[in-house]
Protein backbone atom coordinates (compact mmCIF):
# COMPACT_ATOMS: atom_id res chain seq x y z
CA UNK A 1 119.07 57.39 90.04
CA UNK A 2 118.55 57.72 93.58
CA UNK A 3 120.26 59.91 96.63
CA UNK A 4 122.33 56.94 97.64
CA UNK A 5 123.97 56.78 94.02
CA UNK A 6 124.69 60.32 94.34
CA UNK A 7 126.24 60.16 97.79
CA UNK A 8 128.45 57.10 96.68
CA UNK A 9 129.84 58.93 93.73
CA UNK A 10 130.31 62.19 95.30
CA UNK A 11 132.34 60.25 98.22
CA UNK A 12 134.40 58.60 95.53
CA UNK A 13 135.01 61.89 93.65
CA UNK A 14 136.00 63.62 96.87
CA UNK A 15 138.22 60.82 98.00
CA UNK A 16 140.16 59.96 94.94
CA UNK A 17 140.34 56.24 95.54
CA UNK A 18 137.80 53.30 96.11
CA UNK A 19 139.56 52.25 99.21
CA UNK A 20 139.38 55.62 101.15
CA UNK A 21 135.68 56.16 99.77
CA UNK A 22 134.69 52.73 101.03
CA UNK A 23 136.31 53.30 104.31
CA UNK A 24 134.28 56.69 104.64
CA UNK A 25 131.07 55.09 103.47
CA UNK A 26 131.41 52.19 105.85
CA UNK A 27 131.17 49.50 102.95
CA UNK A 28 133.53 47.01 101.46
CA UNK A 29 135.71 48.26 98.46
CA UNK A 30 134.26 45.40 96.19
CA UNK A 31 130.70 46.56 97.14
CA UNK A 32 131.53 50.23 95.98
CA UNK A 33 133.22 49.12 93.07
CA UNK A 34 130.28 47.02 91.81
CA UNK A 35 127.81 50.02 92.76
CA UNK A 36 129.78 52.46 90.69
CA UNK A 37 129.86 49.88 87.66
CA UNK A 38 125.98 49.56 87.82
CA UNK A 39 125.74 53.28 88.03
CA UNK A 40 127.91 53.72 84.99
CA UNK A 41 126.00 51.13 83.10
CA UNK A 42 122.59 52.74 83.92
CA UNK A 43 123.95 56.30 82.95
CA UNK A 44 125.37 54.85 79.73
CA UNK A 45 128.74 56.65 80.18
CA UNK A 46 131.79 56.31 82.18
CA UNK A 47 132.04 58.50 85.17
CA UNK A 48 135.45 57.77 86.73
CA UNK A 49 138.72 57.15 84.98
CA UNK A 50 140.67 54.42 86.83
CA UNK A 51 144.45 54.74 87.12
CA UNK A 52 146.03 52.33 89.62
CA UNK A 53 144.75 53.06 92.98
CA UNK A 54 143.25 56.41 92.22
CA UNK A 55 140.27 57.55 90.09
CA UNK A 56 139.19 60.90 88.66
CA UNK A 57 136.04 62.34 87.05
CA UNK A 58 135.55 62.09 83.30
CA UNK A 59 133.69 64.95 81.85
CA UNK A 60 130.63 63.22 82.27
CA UNK A 61 131.46 62.39 85.65
CA UNK A 62 131.87 66.10 86.36
CA UNK A 63 128.38 66.95 85.06
CA UNK A 64 126.85 63.98 87.16
CA UNK A 65 128.73 65.18 90.40
CA UNK A 66 127.72 68.84 89.68
CA UNK A 67 124.03 67.71 89.28
CA UNK A 68 124.28 65.45 92.27
CA UNK A 69 125.49 68.21 94.68
CA UNK A 70 122.54 70.35 93.64
CA UNK A 71 120.09 67.58 94.31
CA UNK A 72 121.57 66.55 97.57
CA UNK A 73 121.58 70.26 98.63
CA UNK A 74 118.00 70.43 97.67
CA UNK A 75 117.14 67.30 99.94
CA UNK A 76 119.16 68.70 102.69
CA UNK A 77 117.11 71.87 102.85
CA UNK A 78 113.90 69.75 102.53
CA UNK A 79 114.84 67.74 105.51
CA UNK A 80 115.90 70.81 107.44
CA UNK A 81 112.57 72.34 106.67
CA UNK A 82 110.78 69.12 107.92
CA UNK A 83 112.55 69.30 111.15
CA UNK A 84 111.83 73.05 111.21
CA UNK A 85 108.22 72.24 111.19
CA UNK A 86 108.37 69.56 113.53
CA UNK A 87 110.05 72.25 115.95
CA UNK A 88 106.51 73.91 115.94
CA UNK A 89 105.37 71.19 118.15
CA UNK A 90 108.06 71.33 120.87
CA UNK A 91 111.04 73.16 121.59
CA UNK A 92 112.49 76.43 123.02
CA UNK A 93 112.47 80.02 121.41
CA UNK A 94 114.87 82.29 123.12
CA UNK A 95 114.57 86.19 122.57
CA UNK A 96 116.72 88.85 123.83
CA UNK A 97 115.13 92.22 124.70
CA UNK A 98 115.90 95.16 127.02
CA UNK A 99 113.52 95.17 130.44
CA UNK A 100 111.39 97.95 129.55
CA UNK A 101 110.58 96.68 126.12
CA UNK A 102 110.08 93.13 127.35
CA UNK A 103 107.42 94.65 129.75
CA UNK A 104 105.90 96.95 126.98
CA UNK A 105 105.96 94.83 123.94
CA UNK A 106 106.31 91.06 124.89
CA UNK A 107 103.62 90.12 127.04
CA UNK A 108 100.69 90.51 124.32
CA UNK A 109 103.05 88.97 121.54
CA UNK A 110 103.83 86.20 123.58
CA UNK A 111 100.34 85.26 124.43
CA UNK A 112 99.42 85.30 120.90
CA UNK A 113 102.37 83.06 120.05
CA UNK A 114 101.61 80.73 122.80
CA UNK A 115 97.86 80.30 121.60
CA UNK A 116 99.27 79.45 118.03
CA UNK A 117 102.16 77.08 119.22
CA UNK A 118 101.54 75.84 122.72
CA UNK A 119 104.18 73.27 122.67
CA UNK A 120 107.14 75.82 122.29
CA UNK A 121 108.58 77.25 125.46
CA UNK A 122 109.54 80.99 125.30
CA UNK A 123 112.31 82.54 126.99
CA UNK A 124 112.70 86.03 127.11
CA UNK A 125 116.28 87.08 128.09
CA UNK A 126 116.30 90.69 129.45
CA UNK A 127 119.67 92.51 129.07
CA UNK A 128 121.05 96.14 128.24
CA UNK A 129 121.73 97.01 124.52
CA UNK A 130 125.24 96.28 124.45
CA UNK A 131 124.95 93.07 126.26
CA UNK A 132 122.13 92.13 123.73
CA UNK A 133 124.45 92.45 120.95
CA UNK A 134 127.05 90.66 122.51
CA UNK A 135 124.68 87.71 123.12
CA UNK A 136 123.62 87.88 119.46
CA UNK A 137 127.23 87.54 118.32
CA UNK A 138 127.47 84.64 120.54
CA UNK A 139 124.11 82.98 119.10
CA UNK A 140 122.76 82.89 122.42
CA UNK A 141 119.32 84.03 121.16
CA UNK A 142 117.11 83.23 118.19
CA UNK A 143 117.12 86.88 117.69
CA UNK A 144 117.26 90.04 119.94
CA UNK A 145 114.86 93.00 119.80
CA UNK A 146 117.18 96.34 119.93
CA UNK A 147 117.80 99.62 118.34
CA UNK A 148 118.96 99.76 114.73
CA UNK A 149 121.15 100.51 113.04
CA UNK A 150 123.62 97.60 113.59
CA UNK A 151 126.89 96.67 111.98
CA UNK A 152 125.52 94.73 109.17
CA UNK A 153 128.84 93.19 108.65
CA UNK A 154 128.25 91.26 111.71
CA UNK A 155 124.48 91.10 112.05
CA UNK A 156 121.42 90.45 109.88
CA UNK A 157 118.32 92.48 110.94
CA UNK A 158 114.52 93.24 110.14
CA UNK A 159 112.69 96.44 111.11
CA UNK A 160 109.75 95.84 113.47
CA UNK A 161 108.66 99.42 114.27
CA UNK A 162 109.84 102.88 115.10
CA UNK A 163 109.47 104.43 118.49
CA UNK A 164 109.36 108.20 119.08
CA UNK A 165 112.01 109.76 121.22
CA UNK A 166 110.45 111.87 124.28
CA UNK A 167 111.39 114.70 126.76
CA UNK A 168 110.17 113.37 130.16
CA UNK A 169 110.23 115.98 133.07
CA UNK A 170 109.19 115.84 136.60
CA UNK A 171 105.55 116.90 136.74
CA UNK A 172 104.70 120.50 137.96
CA UNK A 173 108.38 121.42 138.13
CA UNK A 174 109.67 124.79 137.01
CA UNK A 175 110.88 123.10 133.71
CA UNK A 176 107.41 121.41 133.20
CA UNK A 177 105.61 124.94 133.76
CA UNK A 178 108.10 126.51 131.19
CA UNK A 179 107.46 123.87 128.64
CA UNK A 180 103.86 123.53 129.07
CA UNK A 181 103.36 127.30 128.30
CA UNK A 182 105.27 126.96 125.01
CA UNK A 183 103.97 123.44 123.98
CA UNK A 184 102.04 123.21 120.71
CA UNK A 185 100.16 120.28 119.28
CA UNK A 186 101.62 118.89 115.85
CA UNK A 187 100.48 116.07 113.70
CA UNK A 188 102.29 112.88 114.08
CA UNK A 189 103.27 113.68 117.64
CA UNK A 190 102.32 111.54 120.54
CA UNK A 191 102.45 114.36 122.90
CA UNK A 192 102.52 118.33 123.13
CA UNK A 193 105.70 119.49 121.22
CA UNK A 194 108.39 121.70 122.59
CA UNK A 195 111.88 123.14 121.59
CA UNK A 196 114.55 121.41 123.43
CA UNK A 197 116.48 124.68 123.77
CA UNK A 198 113.77 125.47 126.39
CA UNK A 199 115.66 122.99 128.88
CA UNK A 200 119.00 124.79 128.79
CA UNK A 201 120.66 124.91 131.94
CA UNK A 202 118.01 122.27 133.27
CA UNK A 203 118.89 119.17 135.40
CA UNK A 204 119.01 116.04 133.60
CA UNK A 205 119.12 112.27 134.62
CA UNK A 206 121.92 110.86 132.42
CA UNK A 207 122.24 107.27 131.08
CA UNK A 208 125.75 105.64 131.21
CA UNK A 209 128.23 107.11 128.83
CA UNK A 210 128.44 105.16 125.59
CA UNK A 211 124.70 104.01 125.43
CA UNK A 212 122.62 105.06 122.51
CA UNK A 213 120.21 107.32 124.27
CA UNK A 214 122.83 109.07 125.98
CA UNK A 215 124.56 109.76 122.54
CA UNK A 216 121.41 111.07 121.20
CA UNK A 217 120.83 113.37 123.96
CA UNK A 218 124.48 114.81 123.80
CA UNK A 219 123.75 115.13 119.79
CA UNK A 220 120.63 116.94 120.06
CA UNK A 221 121.65 119.32 122.98
CA UNK A 222 124.84 120.36 120.78
CA UNK A 223 122.60 120.99 117.81
CA UNK A 224 120.09 123.10 120.13
CA UNK A 225 122.78 124.80 121.81
CA UNK A 226 121.74 123.44 125.47
CA UNK A 227 123.99 122.75 128.21
CA UNK A 228 122.47 120.19 130.65
CA UNK A 229 123.46 119.93 134.06
CA UNK A 230 123.99 116.18 135.14
CA UNK A 231 121.87 115.45 138.34
CA UNK A 232 122.48 111.77 138.49
CA UNK A 233 123.74 109.16 136.14
CA UNK A 234 122.20 105.47 135.89
CA UNK A 235 122.81 102.54 133.88
CA UNK A 236 119.06 101.51 132.80
CA UNK A 237 115.95 103.45 131.38
CA UNK A 238 113.92 102.07 134.16
CA UNK A 239 116.09 103.52 136.75
CA UNK A 240 116.25 106.73 134.64
CA UNK A 241 112.53 107.15 134.56
CA UNK A 242 112.22 106.66 138.39
CA UNK A 243 114.79 109.34 138.95
CA UNK A 244 112.76 111.65 136.72
CA UNK A 245 109.57 110.65 139.10
CA UNK A 246 111.47 111.56 142.18
CA UNK A 247 112.14 115.12 140.68
CA UNK A 248 115.89 114.64 139.85
CA UNK A 249 115.67 116.11 136.51
CA UNK A 250 114.43 115.60 132.96
CA UNK A 251 115.65 112.73 130.74
CA UNK A 252 115.59 111.85 126.89
CA UNK A 253 113.45 108.44 126.59
CA UNK A 254 111.94 106.50 124.10
CA UNK A 255 108.04 105.98 123.87
CA UNK A 256 106.72 102.96 125.84
CA UNK A 257 108.64 103.91 128.87
CA UNK A 258 105.54 105.39 130.34
CA UNK A 259 104.89 101.77 131.77
CA UNK A 260 107.59 102.56 134.12
CA UNK A 261 107.21 106.28 134.83
CA UNK A 262 103.39 106.73 134.64
CA UNK A 263 101.88 109.91 134.12
CA UNK A 264 100.96 110.98 137.87
CA UNK A 265 104.51 112.37 138.49
CA UNK A 266 105.97 112.69 135.09
CA UNK A 267 105.04 114.72 131.81
CA UNK A 268 105.86 113.78 128.44
CA UNK A 269 106.87 116.18 125.66
CA UNK A 270 107.41 115.43 122.04
CA UNK A 271 110.39 117.38 120.30
CA UNK A 272 109.28 120.11 117.97
CA UNK A 273 111.97 120.81 115.39
CA UNK A 274 111.70 117.29 113.82
CA UNK A 275 110.06 114.13 114.64
CA UNK A 276 112.72 112.17 116.55
CA UNK A 277 112.34 108.43 116.18
CA UNK A 278 114.42 105.32 116.99
CA UNK A 279 114.21 102.37 114.58
CA UNK A 280 113.61 99.11 116.51
CA UNK A 281 114.37 95.67 114.85
CA UNK A 282 114.99 92.04 115.23
CA UNK A 283 118.81 91.20 114.86
CA UNK A 284 120.44 87.96 114.68
CA UNK A 285 124.08 86.83 113.89
CA UNK A 286 125.25 87.29 110.28
CA UNK A 287 124.66 84.03 108.45
CA UNK A 288 122.55 82.55 111.05
CA UNK A 289 119.18 81.35 109.66
CA UNK A 290 115.80 82.05 111.44
CA UNK A 291 113.92 79.18 112.31
CA UNK A 292 110.29 79.03 111.29
CA UNK A 293 109.18 79.35 114.87
CA UNK A 294 111.43 82.35 115.18
CA UNK A 295 110.00 83.87 111.91
CA UNK A 296 106.55 83.48 113.23
CA UNK A 297 107.20 85.14 116.55
CA UNK A 298 109.03 88.14 114.73
CA UNK A 299 105.84 88.66 112.73
CA UNK A 300 103.54 88.51 115.48
CA UNK A 301 105.86 91.20 117.25
CA UNK A 302 105.39 93.55 114.10
CA UNK A 303 101.83 93.78 115.02
CA UNK A 304 102.49 95.18 118.60
């Protein structure tokens, strides 16, 4: 038996006639007929029942076709695997990420990946969180790095790491002074921890309504009984932390944003009541398969 035999028999079973099957296969009808007769001779049992211009599978034929489909599927996956390995040498890997995460997470990971796979070109497509999921839904990336959870009926995902949620305030402001006096050191926190209730009535730099960080701020403030005053509203985390630098108010931000805000004019505090973290993961369209190159880059990202 060989793969060609399986393909010919499977095509005949699907088409139901020698003439249509021969046309699909691009061979003559007599050639296909002789090929099937030879196959039945080799197996020792009839695989097809002939009735005028039509054919149908015998019981033995159904067993043969079922086994053939399995074998052809294995061969297809094997060839896809070979193509995937070849793609390690050349090609392009496109990953979506927020700009601040691109600057804080991607450089070291990209450098390591390029050392291992110098023939692959990396594209880091920077977008906001909502645009990232829209891009994933259109298969514009191999995968995107964004906050979890996501709708698992639409996306597949894998956890990369968890990032702590911080309170950023203008350094040496009245709020900073109040928080510094009450801050305590707690295990597992990146910075001195404070109660969010101490920020009641303070000016806050807000993120556009509907974004995940803005929703989190609103939920935490409601739980703590805090009524923040909106100083200014911006669209990006990068703009938000720059507003904090200019003294326009406090902000709830993810760890790693320090790269953009620095420490000279911004002070960072952990939250005291519970450790607030955000899960970050690799996300791709439901049903899409990660290439070996994408999987390799994902594993590197986990280290950083």
